[in-house]
N, C-alpha and C. Protein backbone atom coordinates (compact mmCIF):
# COMPACT_ATOMS: atom_id res chain seq x y z
N MET A 1 -0.21 -89.77 -13.45
CA MET A 1 0.23 -88.84 -12.46
C MET A 1 -0.97 -88.01 -12.00
N THR A 2 -1.11 -87.87 -10.71
CA THR A 2 -2.24 -87.17 -10.12
C THR A 2 -1.80 -85.76 -9.71
N VAL A 3 -2.68 -84.80 -10.00
CA VAL A 3 -2.38 -83.41 -9.66
C VAL A 3 -3.06 -83.10 -8.33
N ASP A 4 -2.26 -82.60 -7.40
CA ASP A 4 -2.81 -82.22 -6.09
C ASP A 4 -3.22 -80.75 -6.16
N LYS A 5 -4.51 -80.50 -6.40
CA LYS A 5 -5.00 -79.14 -6.58
C LYS A 5 -4.89 -78.31 -5.31
N HIS A 6 -5.06 -78.94 -4.16
CA HIS A 6 -4.95 -78.20 -2.89
C HIS A 6 -3.52 -77.68 -2.70
N ARG A 7 -2.53 -78.56 -2.97
CA ARG A 7 -1.13 -78.15 -2.83
C ARG A 7 -0.79 -77.04 -3.84
N ARG A 8 -1.34 -77.14 -5.06
CA ARG A 8 -1.08 -76.14 -6.08
C ARG A 8 -1.63 -74.78 -5.63
N ARG A 9 -2.81 -74.74 -5.03
CA ARG A 9 -3.39 -73.48 -4.54
C ARG A 9 -2.54 -72.86 -3.43
N ILE A 10 -2.05 -73.70 -2.55
CA ILE A 10 -1.21 -73.21 -1.45
C ILE A 10 0.08 -72.63 -2.01
N LEU A 11 0.72 -73.32 -2.95
CA LEU A 11 1.96 -72.82 -3.55
C LEU A 11 1.70 -71.53 -4.34
N LEU A 12 0.59 -71.46 -5.05
CA LEU A 12 0.24 -70.27 -5.81
C LEU A 12 -0.01 -69.08 -4.86
N ALA A 13 -0.71 -69.31 -3.77
CA ALA A 13 -0.97 -68.25 -2.78
C ALA A 13 0.33 -67.79 -2.13
N ALA A 14 1.19 -68.72 -1.78
CA ALA A 14 2.47 -68.38 -1.14
C ALA A 14 3.35 -67.59 -2.10
N THR A 15 3.41 -68.01 -3.35
CA THR A 15 4.22 -67.31 -4.35
C THR A 15 3.66 -65.90 -4.59
N SER A 16 2.36 -65.78 -4.70
CA SER A 16 1.73 -64.46 -4.91
C SER A 16 1.99 -63.53 -3.72
N THR A 17 1.89 -64.06 -2.51
CA THR A 17 2.15 -63.25 -1.32
C THR A 17 3.60 -62.81 -1.28
N ALA A 18 4.53 -63.71 -1.55
CA ALA A 18 5.95 -63.36 -1.55
C ALA A 18 6.24 -62.32 -2.63
N GLY A 19 5.63 -62.45 -3.79
CA GLY A 19 5.81 -61.47 -4.86
C GLY A 19 5.26 -60.11 -4.48
N GLY A 20 4.11 -60.08 -3.84
CA GLY A 20 3.51 -58.82 -3.40
C GLY A 20 4.35 -58.12 -2.35
N VAL A 21 4.87 -58.90 -1.37
CA VAL A 21 5.74 -58.33 -0.35
C VAL A 21 7.02 -57.79 -0.99
N GLY A 22 7.58 -58.54 -1.93
CA GLY A 22 8.80 -58.09 -2.62
C GLY A 22 8.54 -56.82 -3.42
N LEU A 23 7.41 -56.72 -4.10
CA LEU A 23 7.07 -55.53 -4.86
C LEU A 23 6.90 -54.33 -3.93
N ALA A 24 6.23 -54.51 -2.81
CA ALA A 24 6.05 -53.42 -1.85
C ALA A 24 7.41 -52.97 -1.29
N ALA A 25 8.27 -53.92 -0.96
CA ALA A 25 9.58 -53.58 -0.41
C ALA A 25 10.43 -52.85 -1.45
N ALA A 26 10.33 -53.25 -2.70
CA ALA A 26 11.11 -52.59 -3.75
C ALA A 26 10.58 -51.19 -4.07
N SER A 27 9.29 -50.95 -3.86
CA SER A 27 8.71 -49.65 -4.20
C SER A 27 8.92 -48.60 -3.11
N VAL A 28 9.22 -49.01 -1.88
CA VAL A 28 9.43 -48.04 -0.80
C VAL A 28 10.55 -47.06 -1.11
N PRO A 29 11.75 -47.49 -1.50
CA PRO A 29 12.79 -46.51 -1.81
C PRO A 29 12.42 -45.63 -3.02
N PHE A 30 11.74 -46.21 -4.00
CA PHE A 30 11.33 -45.44 -5.16
C PHE A 30 10.36 -44.32 -4.76
N ILE A 31 9.37 -44.64 -3.96
CA ILE A 31 8.40 -43.63 -3.51
C ILE A 31 9.09 -42.61 -2.60
N ALA A 32 9.99 -43.08 -1.75
CA ALA A 32 10.72 -42.16 -0.86
C ALA A 32 11.57 -41.18 -1.65
N SER A 33 12.09 -41.60 -2.81
CA SER A 33 12.92 -40.70 -3.62
C SER A 33 12.10 -39.57 -4.23
N MET A 34 10.80 -39.71 -4.29
CA MET A 34 9.94 -38.65 -4.84
C MET A 34 9.65 -37.55 -3.83
N GLN A 35 9.94 -37.78 -2.57
CA GLN A 35 9.71 -36.77 -1.54
C GLN A 35 10.78 -35.68 -1.65
N PRO A 36 10.42 -34.43 -1.33
CA PRO A 36 11.43 -33.37 -1.40
C PRO A 36 12.55 -33.59 -0.38
N SER A 37 13.74 -33.16 -0.74
CA SER A 37 14.88 -33.30 0.16
C SER A 37 14.74 -32.36 1.35
N ALA A 38 15.58 -32.53 2.34
CA ALA A 38 15.54 -31.66 3.52
C ALA A 38 15.85 -30.22 3.12
N ALA A 39 16.76 -30.03 2.17
CA ALA A 39 17.10 -28.68 1.71
C ALA A 39 15.90 -28.04 1.01
N ALA A 40 15.19 -28.82 0.21
CA ALA A 40 14.01 -28.28 -0.49
C ALA A 40 12.90 -27.95 0.50
N ARG A 41 12.71 -28.81 1.51
CA ARG A 41 11.70 -28.51 2.53
C ARG A 41 12.07 -27.25 3.31
N ALA A 42 13.36 -27.08 3.62
CA ALA A 42 13.80 -25.90 4.36
C ALA A 42 13.63 -24.64 3.52
N ALA A 43 13.84 -24.72 2.21
CA ALA A 43 13.70 -23.54 1.34
C ALA A 43 12.26 -23.07 1.27
N GLY A 44 11.31 -23.97 1.42
CA GLY A 44 9.90 -23.60 1.36
C GLY A 44 9.26 -23.40 2.72
N ALA A 45 10.05 -23.57 3.77
CA ALA A 45 9.53 -23.46 5.12
C ALA A 45 9.18 -22.01 5.45
N PRO A 46 8.24 -21.81 6.35
CA PRO A 46 7.92 -20.45 6.77
C PRO A 46 9.14 -19.74 7.36
N VAL A 47 9.17 -18.42 7.20
CA VAL A 47 10.28 -17.60 7.68
C VAL A 47 9.74 -16.64 8.74
N GLU A 48 10.42 -16.57 9.88
CA GLU A 48 10.04 -15.63 10.93
C GLU A 48 10.87 -14.36 10.79
N VAL A 49 10.22 -13.21 11.03
CA VAL A 49 10.88 -11.91 10.92
C VAL A 49 10.60 -11.12 12.19
N ASP A 50 11.66 -10.54 12.76
CA ASP A 50 11.53 -9.65 13.92
C ASP A 50 11.30 -8.23 13.42
N LEU A 51 10.18 -7.64 13.79
CA LEU A 51 9.81 -6.30 13.33
C LEU A 51 10.26 -5.20 14.28
N SER A 52 10.83 -5.55 15.40
CA SER A 52 11.13 -4.56 16.43
C SER A 52 12.10 -3.48 15.96
N GLY A 53 13.02 -3.77 15.05
CA GLY A 53 13.98 -2.77 14.60
C GLY A 53 13.57 -2.04 13.33
N LEU A 54 12.37 -2.31 12.84
CA LEU A 54 11.91 -1.69 11.59
C LEU A 54 11.18 -0.39 11.89
N SER A 55 11.83 0.73 11.59
CA SER A 55 11.28 2.06 11.90
C SER A 55 10.21 2.44 10.87
N PRO A 56 9.26 3.28 11.26
CA PRO A 56 8.25 3.76 10.30
C PRO A 56 8.92 4.40 9.09
N GLY A 57 8.46 4.00 7.90
CA GLY A 57 9.00 4.49 6.65
C GLY A 57 10.07 3.58 6.06
N ASP A 58 10.58 2.64 6.85
CA ASP A 58 11.65 1.76 6.38
C ASP A 58 11.09 0.49 5.74
N ILE A 59 11.96 -0.16 4.99
CA ILE A 59 11.63 -1.43 4.33
C ILE A 59 12.69 -2.45 4.71
N ARG A 60 12.27 -3.69 4.90
CA ARG A 60 13.21 -4.79 5.14
C ARG A 60 12.92 -5.86 4.10
N THR A 61 13.96 -6.45 3.57
CA THR A 61 13.82 -7.53 2.59
C THR A 61 14.34 -8.82 3.20
N VAL A 62 13.52 -9.86 3.12
CA VAL A 62 13.92 -11.20 3.56
C VAL A 62 13.69 -12.15 2.39
N GLU A 63 14.28 -13.31 2.46
CA GLU A 63 14.10 -14.29 1.39
C GLU A 63 13.18 -15.40 1.86
N TRP A 64 12.25 -15.77 1.00
CA TRP A 64 11.35 -16.90 1.26
C TRP A 64 11.10 -17.59 -0.07
N ARG A 65 11.37 -18.89 -0.13
CA ARG A 65 11.22 -19.69 -1.34
C ARG A 65 11.99 -19.09 -2.52
N GLY A 66 13.14 -18.52 -2.23
CA GLY A 66 13.99 -17.95 -3.26
C GLY A 66 13.51 -16.61 -3.81
N LYS A 67 12.52 -16.01 -3.17
CA LYS A 67 11.98 -14.73 -3.62
C LYS A 67 12.25 -13.66 -2.57
N PRO A 68 12.45 -12.40 -3.02
CA PRO A 68 12.56 -11.32 -2.05
C PRO A 68 11.18 -10.96 -1.52
N ILE A 69 11.06 -10.89 -0.21
CA ILE A 69 9.81 -10.48 0.43
C ILE A 69 10.07 -9.16 1.12
N TRP A 70 9.24 -8.18 0.79
CA TRP A 70 9.37 -6.85 1.41
C TRP A 70 8.42 -6.74 2.59
N ILE A 71 8.93 -6.13 3.64
CA ILE A 71 8.09 -5.72 4.77
C ILE A 71 8.31 -4.22 4.91
N VAL A 72 7.26 -3.45 4.67
CA VAL A 72 7.33 -2.00 4.75
C VAL A 72 6.55 -1.55 5.98
N HIS A 73 7.21 -0.78 6.85
CA HIS A 73 6.53 -0.19 8.00
C HIS A 73 6.04 1.19 7.56
N ARG A 74 4.76 1.26 7.19
CA ARG A 74 4.21 2.50 6.66
C ARG A 74 3.91 3.49 7.78
N THR A 75 4.17 4.75 7.48
CA THR A 75 3.87 5.82 8.44
C THR A 75 2.39 6.17 8.35
N GLU A 76 1.93 6.98 9.30
CA GLU A 76 0.54 7.45 9.26
C GLU A 76 0.28 8.23 7.97
N GLY A 77 1.26 9.04 7.55
CA GLY A 77 1.12 9.81 6.32
C GLY A 77 1.00 8.91 5.09
N MET A 78 1.78 7.84 5.06
CA MET A 78 1.70 6.90 3.95
C MET A 78 0.31 6.25 3.89
N LEU A 79 -0.18 5.84 5.05
CA LEU A 79 -1.51 5.21 5.11
C LEU A 79 -2.60 6.20 4.69
N ALA A 80 -2.46 7.45 5.08
CA ALA A 80 -3.46 8.46 4.74
C ALA A 80 -3.52 8.70 3.24
N ARG A 81 -2.40 8.53 2.55
CA ARG A 81 -2.36 8.77 1.10
C ARG A 81 -2.89 7.60 0.28
N LEU A 82 -3.17 6.46 0.87
CA LEU A 82 -3.56 5.28 0.10
C LEU A 82 -4.87 5.46 -0.66
N GLY A 83 -5.82 6.20 -0.17
CA GLY A 83 -7.11 6.35 -0.85
C GLY A 83 -7.18 7.53 -1.78
N ASP A 84 -6.11 8.31 -1.88
CA ASP A 84 -6.15 9.55 -2.66
C ASP A 84 -5.98 9.36 -4.16
N HIS A 85 -5.62 8.19 -4.62
CA HIS A 85 -5.27 8.02 -6.03
C HIS A 85 -5.91 6.79 -6.67
N ASP A 86 -7.03 6.32 -6.15
CA ASP A 86 -7.68 5.13 -6.70
C ASP A 86 -7.98 5.26 -8.20
N ALA A 87 -8.30 6.45 -8.67
CA ALA A 87 -8.62 6.65 -10.09
C ALA A 87 -7.41 6.39 -10.99
N LEU A 88 -6.20 6.45 -10.43
CA LEU A 88 -4.98 6.23 -11.21
C LEU A 88 -4.57 4.76 -11.26
N LEU A 89 -5.27 3.89 -10.49
CA LEU A 89 -4.87 2.50 -10.34
C LEU A 89 -5.66 1.57 -11.26
N ALA A 90 -5.01 0.52 -11.73
CA ALA A 90 -5.66 -0.45 -12.59
C ALA A 90 -6.61 -1.36 -11.81
N ASP A 91 -6.27 -1.71 -10.58
CA ASP A 91 -7.09 -2.60 -9.75
C ASP A 91 -7.10 -2.08 -8.31
N PRO A 92 -7.76 -0.92 -8.07
CA PRO A 92 -7.69 -0.31 -6.74
C PRO A 92 -8.35 -1.14 -5.64
N GLN A 93 -9.32 -1.97 -5.97
CA GLN A 93 -10.00 -2.79 -4.97
C GLN A 93 -9.35 -4.17 -4.81
N SER A 94 -8.26 -4.40 -5.50
CA SER A 94 -7.54 -5.68 -5.45
C SER A 94 -8.47 -6.85 -5.76
N SER A 95 -9.18 -6.73 -6.88
CA SER A 95 -10.13 -7.77 -7.30
C SER A 95 -9.42 -9.04 -7.75
N GLN A 96 -8.25 -8.90 -8.36
CA GLN A 96 -7.50 -10.07 -8.80
C GLN A 96 -6.92 -10.78 -7.57
N PRO A 97 -6.88 -12.09 -7.58
CA PRO A 97 -6.41 -12.85 -6.40
C PRO A 97 -4.90 -12.81 -6.24
N GLN A 98 -4.33 -11.64 -5.99
CA GLN A 98 -2.89 -11.49 -5.77
C GLN A 98 -2.57 -11.40 -4.28
N GLN A 99 -3.55 -11.68 -3.42
CA GLN A 99 -3.35 -11.62 -1.99
C GLN A 99 -4.29 -12.62 -1.32
N PRO A 100 -3.95 -13.07 -0.11
CA PRO A 100 -4.86 -13.95 0.63
C PRO A 100 -6.15 -13.19 0.95
N PRO A 101 -7.25 -13.89 1.15
CA PRO A 101 -8.53 -13.21 1.44
C PRO A 101 -8.48 -12.26 2.63
N TYR A 102 -7.67 -12.58 3.64
CA TYR A 102 -7.60 -11.71 4.81
C TYR A 102 -6.83 -10.42 4.54
N CYS A 103 -6.27 -10.27 3.35
CA CYS A 103 -5.58 -9.03 2.96
C CYS A 103 -6.32 -8.31 1.83
N SER A 104 -7.56 -8.66 1.60
CA SER A 104 -8.37 -8.00 0.58
C SER A 104 -9.02 -6.76 1.18
N ASN A 105 -8.21 -5.75 1.38
CA ASN A 105 -8.67 -4.48 1.93
C ASN A 105 -7.79 -3.38 1.32
N PRO A 106 -8.14 -2.10 1.50
CA PRO A 106 -7.35 -1.04 0.85
C PRO A 106 -5.86 -1.05 1.22
N ALA A 107 -5.52 -1.45 2.43
CA ALA A 107 -4.11 -1.50 2.84
C ALA A 107 -3.43 -2.77 2.36
N ARG A 108 -4.21 -3.77 1.93
CA ARG A 108 -3.70 -5.07 1.51
C ARG A 108 -2.80 -5.67 2.60
N ALA A 109 -3.28 -5.61 3.84
CA ALA A 109 -2.49 -6.05 4.98
C ALA A 109 -3.40 -6.50 6.11
N ILE A 110 -2.85 -7.35 6.98
CA ILE A 110 -3.57 -7.73 8.19
C ILE A 110 -3.57 -6.56 9.15
N ARG A 111 -2.40 -5.98 9.35
CA ARG A 111 -2.25 -4.77 10.17
C ARG A 111 -1.76 -3.66 9.24
N PRO A 112 -2.58 -2.63 9.00
CA PRO A 112 -2.24 -1.61 8.00
C PRO A 112 -0.84 -1.00 8.08
N PRO A 113 -0.24 -0.79 9.25
CA PRO A 113 1.10 -0.20 9.21
C PRO A 113 2.14 -1.08 8.52
N TYR A 114 1.93 -2.39 8.47
CA TYR A 114 2.93 -3.29 7.89
C TYR A 114 2.40 -3.87 6.57
N PHE A 115 3.11 -3.56 5.49
CA PHE A 115 2.78 -4.11 4.18
C PHE A 115 3.80 -5.19 3.85
N VAL A 116 3.31 -6.37 3.50
CA VAL A 116 4.17 -7.51 3.17
C VAL A 116 3.87 -7.90 1.73
N ALA A 117 4.89 -7.98 0.89
CA ALA A 117 4.69 -8.32 -0.52
C ALA A 117 5.90 -9.02 -1.10
N VAL A 118 5.65 -9.78 -2.16
CA VAL A 118 6.74 -10.37 -2.93
C VAL A 118 7.32 -9.23 -3.76
N GLY A 119 8.62 -8.99 -3.64
CA GLY A 119 9.27 -7.86 -4.30
C GLY A 119 9.67 -8.15 -5.73
N ILE A 120 8.72 -8.66 -6.51
CA ILE A 120 8.98 -8.97 -7.92
C ILE A 120 7.87 -8.36 -8.75
N CYS A 121 8.27 -7.61 -9.77
CA CYS A 121 7.30 -6.97 -10.67
C CYS A 121 6.47 -8.04 -11.37
N THR A 122 5.17 -7.79 -11.49
CA THR A 122 4.27 -8.76 -12.11
C THR A 122 4.32 -8.70 -13.64
N HIS A 123 5.20 -7.88 -14.19
CA HIS A 123 5.34 -7.82 -15.65
C HIS A 123 6.30 -8.91 -16.13
N LEU A 124 7.59 -8.73 -15.89
CA LEU A 124 8.57 -9.72 -16.35
C LEU A 124 9.54 -10.16 -15.25
N GLY A 125 9.21 -9.87 -14.00
CA GLY A 125 9.99 -10.41 -12.90
C GLY A 125 11.19 -9.60 -12.45
N CYS A 126 11.26 -8.33 -12.80
CA CYS A 126 12.33 -7.47 -12.31
C CYS A 126 12.06 -7.09 -10.85
N ILE A 127 13.04 -6.47 -10.21
CA ILE A 127 12.89 -6.05 -8.82
C ILE A 127 12.64 -4.53 -8.79
N PRO A 128 11.44 -4.11 -8.41
CA PRO A 128 11.17 -2.67 -8.32
C PRO A 128 11.98 -2.00 -7.22
N VAL A 129 12.05 -0.67 -7.29
CA VAL A 129 12.77 0.16 -6.33
C VAL A 129 11.74 0.81 -5.41
N TYR A 130 12.05 0.83 -4.12
CA TYR A 130 11.17 1.44 -3.11
C TYR A 130 11.37 2.95 -3.14
N ARG A 131 10.30 3.68 -3.35
CA ARG A 131 10.31 5.15 -3.32
C ARG A 131 9.19 5.59 -2.39
N PRO A 132 9.49 5.73 -1.10
CA PRO A 132 8.45 5.96 -0.10
C PRO A 132 7.73 7.30 -0.19
N GLU A 133 8.42 8.34 -0.57
CA GLU A 133 7.81 9.66 -0.53
C GLU A 133 7.13 10.04 -1.83
N ASP A 134 7.70 9.63 -2.96
CA ASP A 134 7.15 10.09 -4.22
C ASP A 134 7.62 9.18 -5.34
N VAL A 135 6.68 8.69 -6.10
CA VAL A 135 7.01 7.96 -7.31
C VAL A 135 6.82 8.97 -8.43
N ALA A 136 7.71 9.96 -8.49
CA ALA A 136 7.56 11.06 -9.44
C ALA A 136 7.47 10.56 -10.87
N THR A 137 8.22 9.53 -11.17
CA THR A 137 8.16 9.01 -12.54
C THR A 137 6.84 8.31 -12.80
N ALA A 138 6.11 8.01 -11.74
CA ALA A 138 4.85 7.30 -11.91
C ALA A 138 3.67 8.24 -12.06
N THR A 139 3.60 9.25 -11.24
CA THR A 139 2.37 10.04 -11.20
C THR A 139 2.60 11.54 -11.28
N GLY A 140 3.80 11.97 -11.48
CA GLY A 140 4.06 13.40 -11.49
C GLY A 140 4.59 13.85 -10.15
N ALA A 141 4.69 15.15 -9.95
CA ALA A 141 5.32 15.71 -8.76
C ALA A 141 4.58 15.40 -7.47
N ASP A 142 3.28 15.16 -7.55
CA ASP A 142 2.50 14.92 -6.33
C ASP A 142 2.18 13.43 -6.15
N GLY A 143 3.09 12.58 -6.55
CA GLY A 143 2.86 11.14 -6.46
C GLY A 143 2.74 10.67 -5.03
N PRO A 144 2.06 9.55 -4.83
CA PRO A 144 1.80 9.05 -3.49
C PRO A 144 2.92 8.22 -2.88
N GLY A 145 3.98 7.95 -3.59
CA GLY A 145 5.01 7.06 -3.10
C GLY A 145 4.66 5.63 -3.44
N GLY A 146 5.67 4.78 -3.46
CA GLY A 146 5.43 3.38 -3.77
C GLY A 146 6.65 2.70 -4.31
N PHE A 147 6.47 1.96 -5.40
CA PHE A 147 7.52 1.15 -5.98
C PHE A 147 7.58 1.40 -7.49
N TYR A 148 8.80 1.53 -8.00
CA TYR A 148 9.01 1.80 -9.43
C TYR A 148 9.91 0.72 -10.00
N CYS A 149 9.49 0.10 -11.09
CA CYS A 149 10.30 -0.94 -11.74
C CYS A 149 11.13 -0.30 -12.84
N PRO A 150 12.45 -0.25 -12.67
CA PRO A 150 13.30 0.42 -13.65
C PRO A 150 13.43 -0.34 -14.98
N CYS A 151 13.06 -1.60 -15.02
CA CYS A 151 13.21 -2.37 -16.26
C CYS A 151 12.29 -1.88 -17.37
N HIS A 152 11.00 -1.73 -17.06
CA HIS A 152 10.04 -1.35 -18.10
C HIS A 152 9.08 -0.27 -17.65
N GLY A 153 9.30 0.31 -16.48
CA GLY A 153 8.52 1.46 -16.06
C GLY A 153 7.22 1.18 -15.33
N SER A 154 7.01 -0.02 -14.83
CA SER A 154 5.79 -0.29 -14.06
C SER A 154 5.86 0.41 -12.72
N LYS A 155 4.69 0.84 -12.22
CA LYS A 155 4.62 1.59 -10.96
C LYS A 155 3.54 1.00 -10.07
N PHE A 156 3.83 0.98 -8.79
CA PHE A 156 2.92 0.43 -7.79
C PHE A 156 2.86 1.40 -6.62
N ASP A 157 1.70 1.49 -5.98
CA ASP A 157 1.60 2.38 -4.81
C ASP A 157 2.11 1.67 -3.57
N LEU A 158 1.95 2.29 -2.40
CA LEU A 158 2.48 1.74 -1.15
C LEU A 158 1.69 0.53 -0.63
N SER A 159 0.64 0.13 -1.36
CA SER A 159 -0.06 -1.12 -1.08
C SER A 159 0.21 -2.14 -2.17
N GLY A 160 1.16 -1.81 -3.04
CA GLY A 160 1.52 -2.72 -4.12
C GLY A 160 0.48 -2.79 -5.23
N ARG A 161 -0.42 -1.80 -5.30
CA ARG A 161 -1.43 -1.79 -6.36
C ARG A 161 -0.84 -1.11 -7.60
N VAL A 162 -1.05 -1.72 -8.74
CA VAL A 162 -0.43 -1.26 -9.98
C VAL A 162 -1.19 -0.06 -10.56
N PHE A 163 -0.42 0.90 -11.09
CA PHE A 163 -1.00 2.05 -11.75
C PHE A 163 -1.47 1.66 -13.15
N LYS A 164 -2.40 2.43 -13.70
CA LYS A 164 -2.89 2.21 -15.06
C LYS A 164 -1.80 2.55 -16.06
N ASN A 165 -1.95 2.00 -17.26
CA ASN A 165 -1.10 2.32 -18.41
C ASN A 165 0.39 2.04 -18.19
N VAL A 166 0.68 0.98 -17.47
CA VAL A 166 2.06 0.52 -17.31
C VAL A 166 2.10 -0.95 -17.77
N PRO A 167 3.28 -1.49 -18.02
CA PRO A 167 3.35 -2.88 -18.51
C PRO A 167 2.84 -3.94 -17.54
N ALA A 168 3.02 -3.73 -16.24
CA ALA A 168 2.60 -4.76 -15.26
C ALA A 168 1.08 -4.93 -15.29
N PRO A 169 0.59 -6.17 -15.42
CA PRO A 169 -0.85 -6.38 -15.50
C PRO A 169 -1.55 -6.52 -14.15
N LEU A 170 -0.80 -6.84 -13.09
CA LEU A 170 -1.40 -7.16 -11.80
C LEU A 170 -0.71 -6.43 -10.66
N ASN A 171 -1.43 -6.33 -9.55
CA ASN A 171 -0.84 -5.81 -8.32
C ASN A 171 0.29 -6.73 -7.86
N LEU A 172 1.18 -6.21 -7.01
CA LEU A 172 2.21 -7.06 -6.43
C LEU A 172 1.55 -8.17 -5.62
N GLU A 173 2.18 -9.32 -5.59
CA GLU A 173 1.64 -10.46 -4.86
C GLU A 173 1.90 -10.29 -3.36
N VAL A 174 0.89 -10.60 -2.56
CA VAL A 174 1.03 -10.63 -1.11
C VAL A 174 1.05 -12.10 -0.70
N PRO A 175 2.13 -12.57 -0.06
CA PRO A 175 2.19 -13.98 0.33
C PRO A 175 1.31 -14.24 1.56
N GLU A 176 1.11 -15.50 1.83
CA GLU A 176 0.42 -15.88 3.05
C GLU A 176 1.33 -15.52 4.23
N TYR A 177 0.78 -14.89 5.24
CA TYR A 177 1.58 -14.54 6.42
C TYR A 177 0.68 -14.33 7.62
N GLY A 178 1.29 -14.15 8.78
CA GLY A 178 0.55 -13.91 10.00
C GLY A 178 1.49 -13.40 11.09
N TYR A 179 0.93 -13.11 12.24
CA TYR A 179 1.70 -12.55 13.35
C TYR A 179 1.78 -13.55 14.49
N LEU A 180 3.01 -13.78 14.96
CA LEU A 180 3.22 -14.62 16.13
C LEU A 180 3.08 -13.79 17.41
N SER A 181 3.41 -12.49 17.29
CA SER A 181 3.28 -11.55 18.40
C SER A 181 3.24 -10.15 17.79
N ASP A 182 3.27 -9.12 18.63
CA ASP A 182 3.26 -7.75 18.12
C ASP A 182 4.52 -7.43 17.32
N THR A 183 5.60 -8.13 17.60
CA THR A 183 6.87 -7.82 16.92
C THR A 183 7.43 -8.98 16.11
N ARG A 184 6.67 -10.07 15.97
CA ARG A 184 7.15 -11.23 15.21
C ARG A 184 6.14 -11.58 14.12
N LEU A 185 6.66 -11.67 12.90
CA LEU A 185 5.86 -11.97 11.72
C LEU A 185 6.33 -13.30 11.16
N VAL A 186 5.42 -14.11 10.64
CA VAL A 186 5.82 -15.35 9.97
C VAL A 186 5.29 -15.29 8.54
N ILE A 187 6.19 -15.54 7.59
CA ILE A 187 5.84 -15.53 6.18
C ILE A 187 5.79 -16.97 5.70
N GLY A 188 4.71 -17.32 5.01
CA GLY A 188 4.57 -18.67 4.49
C GLY A 188 3.45 -19.46 5.10
N GLU A 189 2.86 -18.92 6.16
CA GLU A 189 1.69 -19.54 6.77
C GLU A 189 0.91 -18.48 7.51
N HIS A 190 -0.40 -18.70 7.59
CA HIS A 190 -1.24 -17.74 8.29
C HIS A 190 -1.46 -18.22 9.72
N VAL A 191 -1.07 -17.40 10.66
CA VAL A 191 -1.31 -17.69 12.07
C VAL A 191 -1.97 -16.47 12.69
N GLY A 192 -2.72 -16.70 13.71
CA GLY A 192 -3.35 -15.60 14.42
C GLY A 192 -4.59 -15.10 13.71
N PRO A 193 -5.18 -14.03 14.23
CA PRO A 193 -6.40 -13.48 13.65
C PRO A 193 -6.14 -12.83 12.30
N GLY A 194 -7.21 -12.67 11.55
CA GLY A 194 -7.07 -11.99 10.26
C GLY A 194 -7.79 -12.67 9.16
């Protein structure tokens, strides 16, 4: 019996090609199942916020990626008080990377009147309380205002910077954000200058 080597090579190549195509076709649904669902993509999608109804001194909370995001419209008086208490803060220059580079400034904001932060304490994840005029429990009667965490007593100023000698180790996190217009903010992506 004679072996036809040419025919054997052709059959081997055809079988290998068919097997490779079958493997690729079988792996497509498997790889597609690893992609996030539409609901998961929507949960992580950027969120737009209309700032037009937010009065100076007020705070608005929106949800992004399952977290509360605070937008505080700071008054001129609030902004003026930001530099008065640096000696009381653990990280007054925001050296730790808790904010995007374009928010590494004393106001920790692109536009100083608007402070945007994740409303979760950096200690154990409680939700601090907004106290715009005075965080008396934080600094005494002449406190600068800010945020107080009732769970374990952590205190943050109106730029989300943590006070010394409290349980929270870091400043409040500032998410990536940007401005679509003078009255529209987008949280979750940086757009525009800054």
